[in-house]
Amino acid sequence: MECKSLCFFTHHPKFIQELEEFINNHVSASSAEETINNIERLLVKHFYDKDVSFTPKHFGMAQGFNGFEVYWLHMVIPNSGLSRTQVPKAYFYKNNEYISFLCLDSHIQNYKDAKLRKVAEERLREIIEVLKTRAP
């Protein structure tokens, strides 16, 4: 999906699988595609249009990624009926014009943040290699 503000989205394939699995198991009124489109639109407004500002409870800069711009985000899933503590937490990488979701998990699935961060670190290396081959 191309953004009007010169940004591009490319997500780790396993992130897409994780989101689809989460939605299929826990949400009946939304789809993975609808969720991704919604989040991408919100991130464009946050980073480029400055129209949306996430609260610190829902969004923040992740520490310990060796200078890479990695953020965590509590996913906004339309019509999910999930509480703030039930929505999945996702990690994504932002680099110039690219935003790339890396991984997600939820308290519903009893995730451990240290394990999720480790997965994000592994997938960050993979997505950086993918982005090296793409020219915006």
C-alpha atoms as a PDB file:
ATOM      1  CA  MET A   1       0.000   0.000   0.000  1.00  0.00           C
ATOM      2  CA  GLU A   2       1.420   3.381  -0.972  1.00  0.00           C
ATOM      3  CA  CYS A   3       0.846   6.342   1.326  1.00  0.00           C
ATOM      4  CA  LYS A   4       0.073   9.835   0.174  1.00  0.00           C
ATOM      5  CA  SER A   5       2.963  11.099   2.287  1.00  0.00           C
ATOM      6  CA  LEU A   6       5.715   9.202   0.493  1.00  0.00           C
ATOM      7  CA  CYS A   7       5.806   6.194   2.757  1.00  0.00           C
ATOM      8  CA  PHE A   8       5.513   2.526   1.916  1.00  0.00           C
ATOM      9  CA  PHE A   9       4.455  -0.450   3.961  1.00  0.00           C
ATOM     10  CA  THR A  10       6.104  -3.821   3.715  1.00  0.00           C
ATOM     11  CA  HIS A  11       5.494  -6.275   6.529  1.00  0.00           C
ATOM     12  CA  HIS A  12       7.231  -9.432   7.614  1.00  0.00           C
ATOM     13  CA  PRO A  13       5.197 -12.373   6.210  1.00  0.00           C
ATOM     14  CA  LYS A  14       5.039 -14.035   9.626  1.00  0.00           C
ATOM     15  CA  PHE A  15       3.480 -10.867  11.066  1.00  0.00           C
ATOM     16  CA  ILE A  16       0.639 -11.178   8.557  1.00  0.00           C
ATOM     17  CA  GLN A  17       0.167 -14.836   9.569  1.00  0.00           C
ATOM     18  CA  GLU A  18       0.167 -13.913  13.269  1.00  0.00           C
ATOM     19  CA  LEU A  19      -2.414 -11.177  12.739  1.00  0.00           C
ATOM     20  CA  GLU A  20      -4.661 -13.432  10.654  1.00  0.00           C
ATOM     21  CA  GLU A  21      -4.435 -16.186  13.267  1.00  0.00           C
ATOM     22  CA  PHE A  22      -5.201 -13.772  16.114  1.00  0.00           C
ATOM     23  CA  ILE A  23      -8.223 -12.303  14.340  1.00  0.00           C
ATOM     24  CA  ASN A  24      -9.543 -15.730  13.304  1.00  0.00           C
ATOM     25  CA  ASN A  25      -9.267 -16.967  16.897  1.00  0.00           C
ATOM     26  CA  HIS A  26     -10.422 -13.905  18.837  1.00  0.00           C
ATOM     27  CA  VAL A  27     -12.322 -11.422  16.658  1.00  0.00           C
ATOM     28  CA  SER A  28     -15.396 -12.080  14.565  1.00  0.00           C
ATOM     29  CA  ALA A  29     -16.261  -8.603  13.294  1.00  0.00           C
ATOM     30  CA  SER A  30     -12.988  -7.658  11.595  1.00  0.00           C
ATOM     31  CA  SER A  31     -10.463  -8.970   9.114  1.00  0.00           C
ATOM     32  CA  ALA A  32      -6.666  -8.874   8.998  1.00  0.00           C
ATOM     33  CA  GLU A  33      -6.794  -6.756   5.844  1.00  0.00           C
ATOM     34  CA  GLU A  34      -9.175  -4.252   7.453  1.00  0.00           C
ATOM     35  CA  THR A  35      -6.975  -4.101  10.549  1.00  0.00           C
ATOM     36  CA  ILE A  36      -3.769  -3.547   8.559  1.00  0.00           C
ATOM     37  CA  ASN A  37      -5.399  -0.841   6.438  1.00  0.00           C
ATOM     38  CA  ASN A  38      -6.688   0.885   9.580  1.00  0.00           C
ATOM     39  CA  ILE A  39      -3.300   0.778  11.338  1.00  0.00           C
ATOM     40  CA  GLU A  40      -1.424   1.941   8.242  1.00  0.00           C
ATOM     41  CA  ARG A  41      -3.802   4.881   7.870  1.00  0.00           C
ATOM     42  CA  LEU A  42      -3.335   5.827  11.547  1.00  0.00           C
ATOM     43  CA  LEU A  43       0.459   5.593  11.306  1.00  0.00           C
ATOM     44  CA  VAL A  44       0.530   7.838   8.227  1.00  0.00           C
ATOM     45  CA  LYS A  45      -1.543  10.385  10.126  1.00  0.00           C
ATOM     46  CA  HIS A  46       0.749  10.060  13.147  1.00  0.00           C
ATOM     47  CA  PHE A  47       4.162  10.197  11.459  1.00  0.00           C
ATOM     48  CA  TYR A  48       3.549  12.234   8.310  1.00  0.00           C
ATOM     49  CA  ASP A  49       0.349  14.254   8.611  1.00  0.00           C
ATOM     50  CA  LYS A  50       0.672  14.849  12.386  1.00  0.00           C
ATOM     51  CA  ASP A  51      -3.137  14.509  12.651  1.00  0.00           C
ATOM     52  CA  VAL A  52      -3.162  11.605  15.110  1.00  0.00           C
ATOM     53  CA  SER A  53      -1.224  11.240  18.305  1.00  0.00           C
ATOM     54  CA  PHE A  54      -1.180   7.914  20.127  1.00  0.00           C
ATOM     55  CA  THR A  55      -1.130   7.918  23.921  1.00  0.00           C
ATOM     56  CA  PRO A  56       1.920   6.489  25.734  1.00  0.00           C
ATOM     57  CA  LYS A  57      -0.274   3.562  26.865  1.00  0.00           C
ATOM     58  CA  HIS A  58      -0.786   2.523  23.230  1.00  0.00           C
ATOM     59  CA  PHE A  59       2.440   3.460  21.458  1.00  0.00           C
ATOM     60  CA  GLY A  60       6.121   4.034  22.152  1.00  0.00           C
ATOM     61  CA  MET A  61       9.697   3.822  20.976  1.00  0.00           C
ATOM     62  CA  ALA A  62      11.194   0.417  21.745  1.00  0.00           C
ATOM     63  CA  GLN A  63      14.554   0.442  23.463  1.00  0.00           C
ATOM     64  CA  GLY A  64      17.510  -1.846  22.793  1.00  0.00           C
ATOM     65  CA  PHE A  65      17.412  -2.145  19.009  1.00  0.00           C
ATOM     66  CA  ASN A  66      20.949  -0.815  18.389  1.00  0.00           C
ATOM     67  CA  GLY A  67      19.919   2.542  16.984  1.00  0.00           C
ATOM     68  CA  PHE A  68      17.209   1.208  14.679  1.00  0.00           C
ATOM     69  CA  GLU A  69      13.902   3.050  14.864  1.00  0.00           C
ATOM     70  CA  VAL A  70      11.635   0.331  16.276  1.00  0.00           C
ATOM     71  CA  TYR A  71       8.305   1.049  17.946  1.00  0.00           C
ATOM     72  CA  TRP A  72       5.727  -0.979  19.833  1.00  0.00           C
ATOM     73  CA  LEU A  73       2.011  -0.445  19.330  1.00  0.00           C
ATOM     74  CA  HIS A  74      -1.129  -1.865  20.849  1.00  0.00           C
ATOM     75  CA  MET A  75      -3.023  -2.736  17.671  1.00  0.00           C
ATOM     76  CA  VAL A  76      -6.321  -1.005  16.977  1.00  0.00           C
ATOM     77  CA  ILE A  77      -8.667  -3.675  15.663  1.00  0.00           C
ATOM     78  CA  PRO A  78     -11.949  -2.241  14.342  1.00  0.00           C
ATOM     79  CA  ASN A  79     -15.136  -3.645  15.893  1.00  0.00           C
ATOM     80  CA  SER A  80     -13.196  -6.168  17.934  1.00  0.00           C
ATOM     81  CA  GLY A  81     -14.816  -5.728  21.328  1.00  0.00           C
ATOM     82  CA  LEU A  82     -11.415  -6.387  22.908  1.00  0.00           C
ATOM     83  CA  SER A  83     -10.184  -4.437  25.907  1.00  0.00           C
ATOM     84  CA  ARG A  84      -6.902  -2.518  25.841  1.00  0.00           C
ATOM     85  CA  THR A  85      -5.215  -5.378  27.692  1.00  0.00           C
ATOM     86  CA  GLN A  86      -6.467  -7.945  25.172  1.00  0.00           C
ATOM     87  CA  VAL A  87      -5.464  -6.307  21.893  1.00  0.00           C
ATOM     88  CA  PRO A  88      -2.164  -7.587  20.557  1.00  0.00           C
ATOM     89  CA  LYS A  89       1.073  -5.718  20.986  1.00  0.00           C
ATOM     90  CA  ALA A  90       3.074  -5.339  17.790  1.00  0.00           C
ATOM     91  CA  TYR A  91       6.594  -4.212  17.009  1.00  0.00           C
ATOM     92  CA  PHE A  92       7.372  -2.317  13.817  1.00  0.00           C
ATOM     93  CA  TYR A  93      10.414  -0.795  12.170  1.00  0.00           C
ATOM     94  CA  LYS A  94      10.385   2.678  10.629  1.00  0.00           C
ATOM     95  CA  ASN A  95      13.110   3.729   8.235  1.00  0.00           C
ATOM     96  CA  ASN A  96      12.744   6.877   6.145  1.00  0.00           C
ATOM     97  CA  GLU A  97       9.842   6.080   3.841  1.00  0.00           C
ATOM     98  CA  TYR A  98       9.221   2.486   5.018  1.00  0.00           C
ATOM     99  CA  ILE A  99       7.155   1.153   7.890  1.00  0.00           C
ATOM    100  CA  SER A 100       7.416  -2.605   8.446  1.00  0.00           C
ATOM    101  CA  PHE A 101       5.509  -4.580  11.060  1.00  0.00           C
ATOM    102  CA  LEU A 102       7.649  -7.358  12.502  1.00  0.00           C
ATOM    103  CA  CYS A 103       5.599  -9.392  14.999  1.00  0.00           C
ATOM    104  CA  LEU A 104       2.685  -9.378  17.410  1.00  0.00           C
ATOM    105  CA  ASP A 105       1.208 -11.265  20.339  1.00  0.00           C
ATOM    106  CA  SER A 106      -1.457 -10.732  22.985  1.00  0.00           C
ATOM    107  CA  HIS A 107      -2.125 -11.269  26.671  1.00  0.00           C
ATOM    108  CA  ILE A 108      -5.013 -13.486  25.534  1.00  0.00           C
ATOM    109  CA  GLN A 109      -2.267 -15.837  24.330  1.00  0.00           C
ATOM    110  CA  ASN A 110      -0.136 -15.257  27.465  1.00  0.00           C
ATOM    111  CA  TYR A 111       2.764 -13.662  25.631  1.00  0.00           C
ATOM    112  CA  LYS A 112       5.986 -12.669  27.343  1.00  0.00           C
ATOM    113  CA  ASP A 113       7.381  -9.316  26.235  1.00  0.00           C
ATOM    114  CA  ALA A 114      11.008 -10.479  26.376  1.00  0.00           C
ATOM    115  CA  LYS A 115      10.190 -13.295  23.950  1.00  0.00           C
ATOM    116  CA  LEU A 116       8.263 -10.953  21.640  1.00  0.00           C
ATOM    117  CA  ARG A 117      11.196  -8.496  21.636  1.00  0.00           C
ATOM    118  CA  LYS A 118      13.562 -11.339  20.708  1.00  0.00           C
ATOM    119  CA  VAL A 119      11.322 -12.244  17.757  1.00  0.00           C
ATOM    120  CA  ALA A 120      11.245  -8.561  16.742  1.00  0.00           C
ATOM    121  CA  GLU A 121      15.065  -8.432  16.803  1.00  0.00           C
ATOM    122  CA  GLU A 122      15.344 -11.514  14.577  1.00  0.00           C
ATOM    123  CA  ARG A 123      12.758 -10.285  12.098  1.00  0.00           C
ATOM    124  CA  LEU A 124      14.267  -6.794  12.041  1.00  0.00           C
ATOM    125  CA  ARG A 125      17.454  -8.254  10.561  1.00  0.00           C
ATOM    126  CA  GLU A 126      15.382 -10.113   7.962  1.00  0.00           C
ATOM    127  CA  ILE A 127      13.262  -7.114   6.955  1.00  0.00           C
ATOM    128  CA  ILE A 128      16.352  -4.883   6.651  1.00  0.00           C
ATOM    129  CA  GLU A 129      17.723  -7.341   4.094  1.00  0.00           C
ATOM    130  CA  VAL A 130      14.427  -7.232   2.177  1.00  0.00           C
ATOM    131  CA  LEU A 131      14.372  -3.429   2.198  1.00  0.00           C
ATOM    132  CA  LYS A 132      17.905  -3.277   0.782  1.00  0.00           C
ATOM    133  CA  THR A 133      16.551  -4.782  -2.446  1.00  0.00           C
ATOM    134  CA  ARG A 134      13.645  -2.351  -2.781  1.00  0.00           C
ATOM    135  CA  ALA A 135      13.808   1.120  -4.222  1.00  0.00           C
ATOM    136  CA  PRO A 136      10.908   3.399  -3.279  1.00  0.00           C
END
